[in-house]
Amino acid sequence: MRHGKKFNHLSRKTAHRKAMLANMACSLIEHKRINTTVAKAKAVRQFVEPLITKSKSDTTHNRRIVFAYLRQKEAVTELFREVATKVADRPGGYVRIIKLGNRLGDNADMAMVELVDYNTTYNPNSNKKKNTRRSRRGGSKATTAVPPVPVADKKASNSEEEE
């Protein structure tokens, strides 16, 4: 019976599962996207999102906690330097899972796992600031046209020219 078991065991023993998730998380941090099965993708998302949240505050303690999970110094360095600065203003949801269809060999559901802020297809304006909302009504417009000359002055000027 599996009462109270919250996470997917992925048909692996504990040590194998932890090592596999750590390696997949390191690959995700290094390459910004990976292809895997849907079940592993959901497990990796659950594994890596708290680590990205920890990386937002760069302290020695947080680095050691993240290193205990990832086990690769280069991945920890890249996470705290590059990824943390990109996701600094995002309140969560750092990873996106896109389903790709079935694998040819065994018909397994495949998915692409990617870091949200690194995809330029879905976030074309990620580099630019968002514009504030502007009103659609006219507002005040500055006129640069010359004011019309009164009719009386035209007649007076015309009569002076004729004389």
N, C-alpha and C. Protein backbone atom coordinates (compact mmCIF):
# COMPACT_ATOMS: atom_id res chain seq x y z
N MET A 1 0.84 -1.18 0.00
CA MET A 1 0.00 0.00 0.00
C MET A 1 0.88 1.24 0.00
N ARG A 2 0.39 2.29 -0.60
CA ARG A 2 1.20 3.50 -0.70
C ARG A 2 0.50 4.69 -0.07
N HIS A 3 -0.03 4.52 1.11
CA HIS A 3 -0.71 5.61 1.78
C HIS A 3 0.28 6.72 2.13
N GLY A 4 -0.08 7.95 1.79
CA GLY A 4 0.73 9.10 2.20
C GLY A 4 2.02 9.29 1.42
N LYS A 5 2.20 8.56 0.34
CA LYS A 5 3.40 8.72 -0.47
C LYS A 5 3.13 9.80 -1.50
N LYS A 6 3.78 10.94 -1.36
CA LYS A 6 3.42 12.11 -2.16
C LYS A 6 4.14 12.18 -3.50
N PHE A 7 5.30 11.60 -3.64
CA PHE A 7 6.08 11.78 -4.88
C PHE A 7 6.18 10.47 -5.65
N ASN A 8 6.50 10.59 -6.91
CA ASN A 8 6.62 9.44 -7.80
C ASN A 8 7.96 8.76 -7.57
N HIS A 9 7.94 7.46 -7.32
CA HIS A 9 9.17 6.72 -7.06
C HIS A 9 9.88 6.32 -8.35
N LEU A 10 9.21 6.45 -9.49
CA LEU A 10 9.80 6.22 -10.82
C LEU A 10 10.39 4.82 -10.97
N SER A 11 9.86 3.85 -10.24
CA SER A 11 10.31 2.44 -10.31
C SER A 11 11.80 2.30 -10.06
N ARG A 12 12.33 3.05 -9.11
CA ARG A 12 13.75 3.02 -8.79
C ARG A 12 13.94 3.02 -7.28
N LYS A 13 15.08 2.50 -6.86
CA LYS A 13 15.44 2.58 -5.45
C LYS A 13 15.82 4.03 -5.12
N THR A 14 15.88 4.34 -3.84
CA THR A 14 16.07 5.73 -3.40
C THR A 14 17.36 6.34 -3.94
N ALA A 15 18.47 5.63 -3.82
CA ALA A 15 19.76 6.19 -4.24
C ALA A 15 19.79 6.44 -5.74
N HIS A 16 19.24 5.48 -6.50
CA HIS A 16 19.20 5.64 -7.96
C HIS A 16 18.32 6.82 -8.35
N ARG A 17 17.18 6.95 -7.71
CA ARG A 17 16.25 8.03 -8.02
C ARG A 17 16.87 9.40 -7.70
N LYS A 18 17.50 9.51 -6.54
CA LYS A 18 18.12 10.79 -6.16
C LYS A 18 19.26 11.16 -7.10
N ALA A 19 20.06 10.18 -7.49
CA ALA A 19 21.17 10.45 -8.41
C ALA A 19 20.65 10.85 -9.78
N MET A 20 19.60 10.16 -10.23
CA MET A 20 19.03 10.48 -11.55
C MET A 20 18.43 11.89 -11.56
N LEU A 21 17.69 12.25 -10.52
CA LEU A 21 17.09 13.59 -10.46
C LEU A 21 18.16 14.67 -10.36
N ALA A 22 19.23 14.39 -9.61
CA ALA A 22 20.32 15.36 -9.50
C ALA A 22 20.99 15.57 -10.85
N ASN A 23 21.23 14.49 -11.58
CA ASN A 23 21.86 14.60 -12.90
C ASN A 23 20.95 15.32 -13.89
N MET A 24 19.65 15.02 -13.85
CA MET A 24 18.72 15.69 -14.75
C MET A 24 18.61 17.17 -14.42
N ALA A 25 18.62 17.51 -13.14
CA ALA A 25 18.56 18.92 -12.74
C ALA A 25 19.81 19.66 -13.17
N CYS A 26 20.97 19.03 -13.05
CA CYS A 26 22.22 19.66 -13.50
C CYS A 26 22.20 19.88 -15.01
N SER A 27 21.70 18.90 -15.75
CA SER A 27 21.59 19.05 -17.20
C SER A 27 20.62 20.17 -17.56
N LEU A 28 19.53 20.28 -16.82
CA LEU A 28 18.56 21.34 -17.07
C LEU A 28 19.18 22.71 -16.81
N ILE A 29 19.93 22.84 -15.75
CA ILE A 29 20.57 24.12 -15.43
C ILE A 29 21.64 24.46 -16.47
N GLU A 30 22.37 23.46 -16.92
CA GLU A 30 23.45 23.69 -17.88
C GLU A 30 22.92 24.01 -19.28
N HIS A 31 21.95 23.22 -19.77
CA HIS A 31 21.47 23.35 -21.15
C HIS A 31 20.19 24.16 -21.28
N LYS A 32 19.54 24.48 -20.17
CA LYS A 32 18.29 25.27 -20.10
C LYS A 32 17.07 24.50 -20.59
N ARG A 33 17.22 23.34 -21.22
CA ARG A 33 16.09 22.49 -21.59
C ARG A 33 16.58 21.08 -21.82
N ILE A 34 15.73 20.11 -21.47
CA ILE A 34 16.06 18.71 -21.69
C ILE A 34 14.80 17.98 -22.14
N ASN A 35 14.97 16.88 -22.84
CA ASN A 35 13.86 16.01 -23.25
C ASN A 35 13.89 14.76 -22.39
N THR A 36 12.73 14.39 -21.88
CA THR A 36 12.61 13.21 -21.03
C THR A 36 11.16 12.74 -21.05
N THR A 37 10.84 11.73 -20.26
CA THR A 37 9.45 11.27 -20.18
C THR A 37 8.65 12.23 -19.30
N VAL A 38 7.34 12.18 -19.43
CA VAL A 38 6.48 13.10 -18.69
C VAL A 38 6.60 12.86 -17.18
N ALA A 39 6.66 11.60 -16.76
CA ALA A 39 6.76 11.30 -15.33
C ALA A 39 8.06 11.85 -14.74
N LYS A 40 9.17 11.66 -15.45
CA LYS A 40 10.45 12.19 -14.97
C LYS A 40 10.45 13.71 -15.02
N ALA A 41 9.79 14.28 -16.02
CA ALA A 41 9.73 15.74 -16.12
C ALA A 41 9.02 16.34 -14.92
N LYS A 42 7.91 15.72 -14.51
CA LYS A 42 7.19 16.22 -13.34
C LYS A 42 8.01 16.06 -12.07
N ALA A 43 8.77 14.96 -11.99
CA ALA A 43 9.62 14.74 -10.82
C ALA A 43 10.76 15.75 -10.78
N VAL A 44 11.34 16.04 -11.95
CA VAL A 44 12.44 17.02 -12.01
C VAL A 44 11.95 18.41 -11.65
N ARG A 45 10.75 18.76 -12.11
CA ARG A 45 10.20 20.07 -11.77
C ARG A 45 10.05 20.20 -10.25
N GLN A 46 9.53 19.15 -9.63
CA GLN A 46 9.35 19.16 -8.18
C GLN A 46 10.71 19.22 -7.46
N PHE A 47 11.74 18.67 -8.08
CA PHE A 47 13.08 18.62 -7.49
C PHE A 47 13.80 19.95 -7.62
N VAL A 48 13.68 20.61 -8.79
CA VAL A 48 14.55 21.74 -9.09
C VAL A 48 13.95 23.09 -8.69
N GLU A 49 12.64 23.20 -8.62
CA GLU A 49 12.04 24.51 -8.31
C GLU A 49 12.42 25.03 -6.93
N PRO A 50 12.43 24.21 -5.86
CA PRO A 50 12.90 24.74 -4.59
C PRO A 50 14.36 25.16 -4.61
N LEU A 51 15.17 24.48 -5.42
CA LEU A 51 16.59 24.84 -5.51
C LEU A 51 16.76 26.21 -6.18
N ILE A 52 15.95 26.48 -7.20
CA ILE A 52 16.02 27.78 -7.86
C ILE A 52 15.57 28.88 -6.90
N THR A 53 14.56 28.59 -6.09
CA THR A 53 14.11 29.55 -5.09
C THR A 53 15.23 29.83 -4.09
N LYS A 54 15.94 28.79 -3.67
CA LYS A 54 17.07 28.99 -2.75
C LYS A 54 18.17 29.82 -3.39
N SER A 55 18.35 29.68 -4.70
CA SER A 55 19.45 30.39 -5.35
C SER A 55 19.22 31.88 -5.46
N LYS A 56 17.99 32.34 -5.19
CA LYS A 56 17.71 33.77 -5.28
C LYS A 56 18.45 34.57 -4.21
N SER A 57 18.67 33.97 -3.05
CA SER A 57 19.48 34.64 -2.03
C SER A 57 20.81 33.91 -1.94
N ASP A 58 21.85 34.57 -2.35
CA ASP A 58 23.17 33.95 -2.49
C ASP A 58 23.91 34.01 -1.16
N THR A 59 23.71 32.98 -0.34
CA THR A 59 24.45 32.87 0.91
C THR A 59 25.22 31.55 0.90
N THR A 60 26.21 31.46 1.75
CA THR A 60 27.00 30.24 1.83
C THR A 60 26.13 29.06 2.24
N HIS A 61 25.22 29.30 3.15
CA HIS A 61 24.34 28.23 3.62
C HIS A 61 23.47 27.70 2.48
N ASN A 62 22.87 28.61 1.69
CA ASN A 62 22.04 28.17 0.56
C ASN A 62 22.87 27.44 -0.49
N ARG A 63 24.08 27.89 -0.74
CA ARG A 63 24.95 27.19 -1.70
C ARG A 63 25.23 25.76 -1.23
N ARG A 64 25.46 25.59 0.06
CA ARG A 64 25.76 24.25 0.58
C ARG A 64 24.53 23.35 0.51
N ILE A 65 23.36 23.91 0.78
CA ILE A 65 22.13 23.12 0.69
C ILE A 65 21.91 22.67 -0.75
N VAL A 66 22.08 23.59 -1.70
CA VAL A 66 21.87 23.25 -3.11
C VAL A 66 22.92 22.26 -3.58
N PHE A 67 24.16 22.42 -3.13
CA PHE A 67 25.21 21.48 -3.53
C PHE A 67 24.94 20.08 -3.00
N ALA A 68 24.31 19.98 -1.83
CA ALA A 68 23.97 18.66 -1.29
C ALA A 68 22.98 17.93 -2.19
N TYR A 69 22.13 18.69 -2.88
CA TYR A 69 21.17 18.08 -3.80
C TYR A 69 21.77 17.83 -5.19
N LEU A 70 22.47 18.83 -5.73
CA LEU A 70 22.94 18.73 -7.12
C LEU A 70 24.24 17.94 -7.27
N ARG A 71 25.16 18.07 -6.32
CA ARG A 71 26.41 17.32 -6.32
C ARG A 71 27.37 17.68 -7.44
N GLN A 72 27.18 18.82 -8.10
CA GLN A 72 28.12 19.27 -9.14
C GLN A 72 28.40 20.75 -8.93
N LYS A 73 29.68 21.06 -8.74
CA LYS A 73 30.06 22.43 -8.42
C LYS A 73 29.74 23.39 -9.55
N GLU A 74 29.93 22.97 -10.81
CA GLU A 74 29.68 23.85 -11.96
C GLU A 74 28.20 24.20 -12.07
N ALA A 75 27.34 23.23 -11.81
CA ALA A 75 25.90 23.47 -11.89
C ALA A 75 25.46 24.45 -10.81
N VAL A 76 26.01 24.31 -9.61
CA VAL A 76 25.67 25.22 -8.51
C VAL A 76 26.12 26.63 -8.85
N THR A 77 27.33 26.75 -9.40
CA THR A 77 27.85 28.08 -9.77
C THR A 77 26.98 28.73 -10.82
N GLU A 78 26.61 27.98 -11.85
CA GLU A 78 25.77 28.55 -12.91
C GLU A 78 24.38 28.90 -12.38
N LEU A 79 23.85 28.07 -11.49
CA LEU A 79 22.53 28.34 -10.92
C LEU A 79 22.54 29.65 -10.13
N PHE A 80 23.55 29.86 -9.31
CA PHE A 80 23.58 31.05 -8.48
C PHE A 80 23.99 32.30 -9.25
N ARG A 81 24.76 32.15 -10.32
CA ARG A 81 25.20 33.33 -11.08
C ARG A 81 24.19 33.74 -12.13
N GLU A 82 23.91 32.85 -13.08
CA GLU A 82 23.13 33.23 -14.26
C GLU A 82 21.63 33.02 -14.07
N VAL A 83 21.25 31.84 -13.64
CA VAL A 83 19.82 31.52 -13.54
C VAL A 83 19.15 32.38 -12.48
N ALA A 84 19.80 32.56 -11.34
CA ALA A 84 19.19 33.33 -10.25
C ALA A 84 18.96 34.79 -10.65
N THR A 85 19.85 35.37 -11.45
CA THR A 85 19.65 36.76 -11.87
C THR A 85 18.51 36.87 -12.87
N LYS A 86 18.32 35.83 -13.70
CA LYS A 86 17.23 35.85 -14.68
C LYS A 86 15.87 35.73 -14.01
N VAL A 87 15.77 34.91 -12.97
CA VAL A 87 14.48 34.64 -12.35
C VAL A 87 14.25 35.46 -11.08
N ALA A 88 15.05 36.50 -10.88
CA ALA A 88 15.01 37.24 -9.62
C ALA A 88 13.63 37.84 -9.33
N ASP A 89 12.93 38.31 -10.36
CA ASP A 89 11.65 38.97 -10.12
C ASP A 89 10.46 38.02 -10.30
N ARG A 90 10.70 36.77 -10.61
CA ARG A 90 9.62 35.79 -10.81
C ARG A 90 9.26 35.14 -9.47
N PRO A 91 7.98 35.13 -9.09
CA PRO A 91 7.61 34.60 -7.77
C PRO A 91 7.46 33.08 -7.72
N GLY A 92 7.81 32.37 -8.75
CA GLY A 92 7.69 30.91 -8.77
C GLY A 92 7.39 30.46 -10.18
N GLY A 93 7.29 29.15 -10.38
CA GLY A 93 6.99 28.62 -11.71
C GLY A 93 8.14 28.83 -12.66
N TYR A 94 9.33 28.36 -12.28
CA TYR A 94 10.53 28.59 -13.08
C TYR A 94 10.68 27.59 -14.21
N VAL A 95 9.94 26.48 -14.15
CA VAL A 95 10.13 25.39 -15.11
C VAL A 95 8.82 25.16 -15.86
N ARG A 96 8.94 24.95 -17.16
CA ARG A 96 7.79 24.67 -18.03
C ARG A 96 7.94 23.27 -18.61
N ILE A 97 6.83 22.52 -18.65
CA ILE A 97 6.83 21.19 -19.26
C ILE A 97 5.95 21.23 -20.50
N ILE A 98 6.52 20.88 -21.65
CA ILE A 98 5.79 20.86 -22.91
C ILE A 98 5.77 19.41 -23.40
N LYS A 99 4.58 18.87 -23.60
CA LYS A 99 4.46 17.48 -24.05
C LYS A 99 4.78 17.40 -25.54
N LEU A 100 5.55 16.37 -25.90
CA LEU A 100 6.04 16.23 -27.27
C LEU A 100 5.41 15.09 -28.05
N GLY A 101 4.70 14.22 -27.40
CA GLY A 101 4.14 13.07 -28.11
C GLY A 101 4.75 11.79 -27.55
N ASN A 102 4.69 10.72 -28.32
CA ASN A 102 5.16 9.43 -27.84
C ASN A 102 6.50 9.06 -28.47
N ARG A 103 7.32 8.36 -27.69
CA ARG A 103 8.62 7.91 -28.16
C ARG A 103 8.43 6.73 -29.10
N LEU A 104 9.26 6.66 -30.13
CA LEU A 104 9.09 5.65 -31.16
C LEU A 104 9.31 4.23 -30.62
N GLY A 105 10.32 4.03 -29.79
CA GLY A 105 10.68 2.68 -29.38
C GLY A 105 9.67 2.02 -28.47
N ASP A 106 9.26 2.70 -27.41
CA ASP A 106 8.39 2.07 -26.41
C ASP A 106 7.08 2.81 -26.19
N ASN A 107 6.80 3.82 -27.02
CA ASN A 107 5.54 4.56 -26.97
C ASN A 107 5.36 5.31 -25.64
N ALA A 108 6.48 5.70 -25.01
CA ALA A 108 6.39 6.45 -23.75
C ALA A 108 6.05 7.91 -24.05
N ASP A 109 5.25 8.54 -23.17
CA ASP A 109 4.93 9.96 -23.32
C ASP A 109 6.19 10.78 -23.07
N MET A 110 6.56 11.60 -24.05
CA MET A 110 7.77 12.41 -23.93
C MET A 110 7.41 13.86 -23.66
N ALA A 111 8.33 14.57 -23.04
CA ALA A 111 8.10 15.98 -22.72
C ALA A 111 9.43 16.71 -22.76
N MET A 112 9.33 18.02 -23.00
CA MET A 112 10.50 18.88 -22.93
C MET A 112 10.37 19.72 -21.67
N VAL A 113 11.40 19.70 -20.84
CA VAL A 113 11.44 20.50 -19.62
C VAL A 113 12.38 21.67 -19.90
N GLU A 114 11.92 22.89 -19.63
CA GLU A 114 12.77 24.05 -19.89
C GLU A 114 12.59 25.10 -18.82
N LEU A 115 13.62 25.91 -18.67
CA LEU A 115 13.53 27.05 -17.77
C LEU A 115 12.75 28.15 -18.49
N VAL A 116 11.75 28.70 -17.84
CA VAL A 116 10.79 29.61 -18.47
C VAL A 116 11.47 30.86 -19.03
N ASP A 117 12.39 31.45 -18.29
CA ASP A 117 12.97 32.73 -18.68
C ASP A 117 13.98 32.62 -19.81
N TYR A 118 14.35 31.42 -20.20
CA TYR A 118 15.33 31.26 -21.27
C TYR A 118 14.70 30.95 -22.61
N ASN A 119 13.39 30.82 -22.70
CA ASN A 119 12.73 30.54 -23.97
C ASN A 119 12.32 31.84 -24.62
N THR A 120 12.90 32.16 -25.78
CA THR A 120 12.55 33.41 -26.46
C THR A 120 11.32 33.25 -27.34
N THR A 121 10.90 32.01 -27.62
CA THR A 121 9.70 31.81 -28.43
C THR A 121 8.46 32.23 -27.67
N TYR A 122 8.35 31.79 -26.41
CA TYR A 122 7.18 32.13 -25.61
C TYR A 122 7.33 33.49 -24.95
N ASN A 123 8.56 33.96 -24.74
CA ASN A 123 8.80 35.25 -24.08
C ASN A 123 9.59 36.15 -25.02
N PRO A 124 9.00 36.64 -26.11
CA PRO A 124 9.79 37.47 -27.03
C PRO A 124 10.18 38.81 -26.42
N ASN A 125 9.41 39.31 -25.46
CA ASN A 125 9.69 40.61 -24.84
C ASN A 125 10.34 40.45 -23.47
N SER A 126 11.03 39.34 -23.24
CA SER A 126 11.61 39.13 -21.93
C SER A 126 12.73 40.13 -21.66
N ASN A 127 13.40 40.62 -22.72
CA ASN A 127 14.49 41.58 -22.53
C ASN A 127 13.97 42.98 -22.35
N LYS A 128 12.82 43.30 -22.94
CA LYS A 128 12.30 44.65 -22.92
C LYS A 128 11.40 44.86 -21.72
N LYS A 129 11.29 46.13 -21.32
CA LYS A 129 10.37 46.46 -20.24
C LYS A 129 8.96 46.47 -20.80
N LYS A 130 8.01 46.10 -19.97
CA LYS A 130 6.63 46.13 -20.40
C LYS A 130 6.13 47.57 -20.35
N ASN A 131 5.37 47.97 -21.37
CA ASN A 131 4.81 49.32 -21.39
C ASN A 131 3.64 49.40 -20.44
N THR A 132 3.47 50.60 -19.87
CA THR A 132 2.31 50.78 -19.02
C THR A 132 1.09 50.95 -19.89
N ARG A 133 -0.07 50.68 -19.35
CA ARG A 133 -1.30 50.76 -20.12
C ARG A 133 -1.62 52.22 -20.39
N ARG A 134 -1.99 52.50 -21.61
CA ARG A 134 -2.34 53.86 -21.99
C ARG A 134 -3.81 53.94 -22.32
N SER A 135 -4.39 55.09 -22.09
CA SER A 135 -5.81 55.30 -22.36
C SER A 135 -6.03 55.37 -23.86
N ARG A 136 -7.21 54.96 -24.31
CA ARG A 136 -7.51 54.97 -25.74
C ARG A 136 -8.15 56.27 -26.19
N ARG A 137 -8.62 57.08 -25.27
CA ARG A 137 -9.30 58.30 -25.69
C ARG A 137 -8.28 59.35 -26.08
N GLY A 138 -8.76 60.37 -26.77
CA GLY A 138 -7.89 61.35 -27.42
C GLY A 138 -6.94 62.08 -26.52
N GLY A 139 -7.42 62.71 -25.48
CA GLY A 139 -6.54 63.49 -24.63
C GLY A 139 -6.26 64.84 -25.26
N SER A 140 -5.37 65.60 -24.69
CA SER A 140 -5.07 66.93 -25.23
C SER A 140 -3.98 66.82 -26.28
N LYS A 141 -4.24 67.42 -27.44
CA LYS A 141 -3.27 67.40 -28.53
C LYS A 141 -2.79 68.83 -28.76
N ALA A 142 -1.52 69.01 -28.92
CA ALA A 142 -0.97 70.34 -29.18
C ALA A 142 -1.14 70.66 -30.66
N THR A 143 -1.72 71.80 -30.96
CA THR A 143 -1.91 72.19 -32.36
C THR A 143 -0.78 73.11 -32.77
N THR A 144 -0.22 72.84 -33.94
CA THR A 144 0.87 73.66 -34.44
C THR A 144 0.42 74.48 -35.65
N ALA A 145 -0.84 74.43 -35.97
CA ALA A 145 -1.36 75.17 -37.13
C ALA A 145 -1.41 76.67 -36.81
N VAL A 146 -1.27 77.48 -37.87
CA VAL A 146 -1.33 78.94 -37.73
C VAL A 146 -2.78 79.33 -37.48
N PRO A 147 -3.06 80.23 -36.51
CA PRO A 147 -4.44 80.61 -36.28
C PRO A 147 -5.00 81.36 -37.48
N PRO A 148 -6.29 81.20 -37.76
CA PRO A 148 -6.88 81.85 -38.93
C PRO A 148 -6.92 83.37 -38.77
N VAL A 149 -6.71 84.05 -39.91
CA VAL A 149 -6.73 85.52 -39.91
C VAL A 149 -8.18 85.98 -39.98
N PRO A 150 -8.59 86.96 -39.14
CA PRO A 150 -9.98 87.44 -39.20
C PRO A 150 -10.31 88.02 -40.56
N VAL A 151 -11.58 87.91 -40.96
CA VAL A 151 -12.04 88.33 -42.28
C VAL A 151 -11.87 89.84 -42.46
N ALA A 152 -12.14 90.64 -41.46
CA ALA A 152 -12.04 92.10 -41.57
C ALA A 152 -10.61 92.51 -41.89
N ASP A 153 -9.64 91.84 -41.30
CA ASP A 153 -8.25 92.19 -41.56
C ASP A 153 -7.86 91.83 -42.99
N LYS A 154 -8.43 90.75 -43.52
CA LYS A 154 -8.11 90.37 -44.89
C LYS A 154 -8.58 91.46 -45.85
N LYS A 155 -9.81 91.94 -45.67
CA LYS A 155 -10.33 92.96 -46.56
C LYS A 155 -9.51 94.24 -46.46
N ALA A 156 -9.10 94.57 -45.23
CA ALA A 156 -8.32 95.78 -45.03
C ALA A 156 -6.98 95.64 -45.69
N SER A 157 -6.36 94.50 -45.57
CA SER A 157 -5.05 94.33 -46.17
C SER A 157 -5.16 94.28 -47.70
N ASN A 158 -6.25 93.69 -48.23
CA ASN A 158 -6.43 93.64 -49.67
C ASN A 158 -6.67 95.06 -50.22
N SER A 159 -7.45 95.85 -49.52
CA SER A 159 -7.74 97.21 -50.02
C SER A 159 -6.49 98.07 -49.98
N GLU A 160 -5.60 97.86 -49.03
CA GLU A 160 -4.38 98.64 -48.97
C GLU A 160 -3.45 98.26 -50.10
N GLU A 161 -3.44 96.96 -50.48
CA GLU A 161 -2.58 96.53 -51.55
C GLU A 161 -3.06 97.09 -52.90
N GLU A 162 -4.37 97.25 -53.07
CA GLU A 162 -4.89 97.73 -54.34
C GLU A 162 -4.56 99.22 -54.52
N GLU A 163 -4.50 99.96 -53.47
CA GLU A 163 -4.25 101.40 -53.59
C GLU A 163 -2.87 101.71 -53.91
